[in-house]
C-alpha atoms as a PDB file:
ATOM      1  CA  MET A   1    -154.209 106.392-130.061  1.00  0.00           C
ATOM      2  CA  PRO A   2    -150.904 107.766-128.660  1.00  0.00           C
ATOM      3  CA  GLU A   3    -149.388 107.047-132.122  1.00  0.00           C
ATOM      4  CA  THR A   4    -151.981 109.002-133.922  1.00  0.00           C
ATOM      5  CA  LEU A   5    -151.707 111.968-131.598  1.00  0.00           C
ATOM      6  CA  ARG A   6    -147.826 111.940-132.055  1.00  0.00           C
ATOM      7  CA  ARG A   7    -148.098 111.700-135.758  1.00  0.00           C
ATOM      8  CA  LEU A   8    -150.593 114.778-135.792  1.00  0.00           C
ATOM      9  CA  TRP A   9    -148.315 116.674-133.588  1.00  0.00           C
ATOM     10  CA  LEU A  10    -145.182 116.166-135.809  1.00  0.00           C
ATOM     11  CA  GLU A  11    -146.905 116.548-139.113  1.00  0.00           C
ATOM     12  CA  ASP A  12    -146.689 120.171-140.108  1.00  0.00           C
ATOM     13  CA  SER A  13    -148.194 120.413-143.617  1.00  0.00           C
ATOM     14  CA  GLY A  14    -151.208 122.251-142.561  1.00  0.00           C
ATOM     15  CA  GLN A  15    -149.256 125.128-140.959  1.00  0.00           C
ATOM     16  CA  ASP A  16    -147.849 125.999-144.409  1.00  0.00           C
ATOM     17  CA  ILE A  17    -151.287 126.851-145.722  1.00  0.00           C
ATOM     18  CA  ALA A  18    -152.009 128.968-142.676  1.00  0.00           C
ATOM     19  CA  GLU A  19    -148.707 130.864-142.995  1.00  0.00           C
ATOM     20  CA  TYR A  20    -149.407 131.523-146.611  1.00  0.00           C
ATOM     21  CA  ALA A  21    -152.972 132.820-145.695  1.00  0.00           C
ATOM     22  CA  VAL A  22    -151.503 135.292-143.124  1.00  0.00           C
ATOM     23  CA  MET A  23    -148.970 136.394-145.596  1.00  0.00           C
ATOM     24  CA  LEU A  24    -151.564 137.049-148.214  1.00  0.00           C
ATOM     25  CA  ALA A  25    -153.746 138.893-145.813  1.00  0.00           C
ATOM     26  CA  VAL A  26    -150.852 141.216-144.746  1.00  0.00           C
ATOM     27  CA  ILE A  27    -149.892 141.836-148.408  1.00  0.00           C
ATOM     28  CA  LEU A  28    -153.544 142.690-149.188  1.00  0.00           C
ATOM     29  CA  VAL A  29    -153.893 145.118-146.437  1.00  0.00           C
ATOM     30  CA  LEU A  30    -150.611 146.853-147.495  1.00  0.00           C
ATOM     31  CA  VAL A  31    -151.814 146.922-151.255  1.00  0.00           C
ATOM     32  CA  VAL A  32    -155.342 148.288-150.373  1.00  0.00           C
ATOM     33  CA  GLY A  33    -153.788 151.028-147.990  1.00  0.00           C
ATOM     34  CA  THR A  34    -151.358 152.127-150.625  1.00  0.00           C
ATOM     35  CA  ILE A  35    -154.056 152.317-153.311  1.00  0.00           C
ATOM     36  CA  ARG A  36    -156.180 154.362-151.046  1.00  0.00           C
ATOM     37  CA  LEU A  37    -153.557 156.680-150.104  1.00  0.00           C
ATOM     38  CA  ILE A  38    -152.290 157.130-153.689  1.00  0.00           C
ATOM     39  CA  GLY A  39    -156.038 157.451-154.843  1.00  0.00           C
ATOM     40  CA  SER A  40    -156.800 160.477-152.623  1.00  0.00           C
ATOM     41  CA  ASN A  41    -153.505 162.171-153.309  1.00  0.00           C
ATOM     42  CA  ALA A  42    -153.961 161.677-157.023  1.00  0.00           C
ATOM     43  CA  ASN A  43    -157.456 162.928-156.752  1.00  0.00           C
ATOM     44  CA  ASN A  44    -156.122 166.148-155.082  1.00  0.00           C
ATOM     45  CA  VAL A  45    -153.504 166.700-157.654  1.00  0.00           C
ATOM     46  CA  PHE A  46    -155.967 166.405-160.576  1.00  0.00           C
ATOM     47  CA  SER A  47    -158.367 168.843-158.896  1.00  0.00           C
ATOM     48  CA  ASN A  48    -155.464 171.467-158.404  1.00  0.00           C
ATOM     49  CA  VAL A  49    -154.571 171.119-162.055  1.00  0.00           C
ATOM     50  CA  ALA A  50    -158.076 171.306-163.363  1.00  0.00           C
ATOM     51  CA  SER A  51    -158.585 174.441-161.205  1.00  0.00           C
ATOM     52  CA  ALA A  52    -155.224 176.044-162.307  1.00  0.00           C
ATOM     53  CA  LEU A  53    -156.119 175.495-165.999  1.00  0.00           C
ATOM     54  CA  GLN A  54    -159.415 177.558-165.647  1.00  0.00           C
END
């Protein structure tokens, strides 16, 4: 039993997957936030151009 616990403690292959999942979540939050920011600004620009053309 102690050997099994020591092997599980020293084995870190599962940590890599968790780190990639956290990095992916952070990247997704940044991308979604950027798209929402650009999307609302782009909508305002197109509305201003459309009203200026009339």
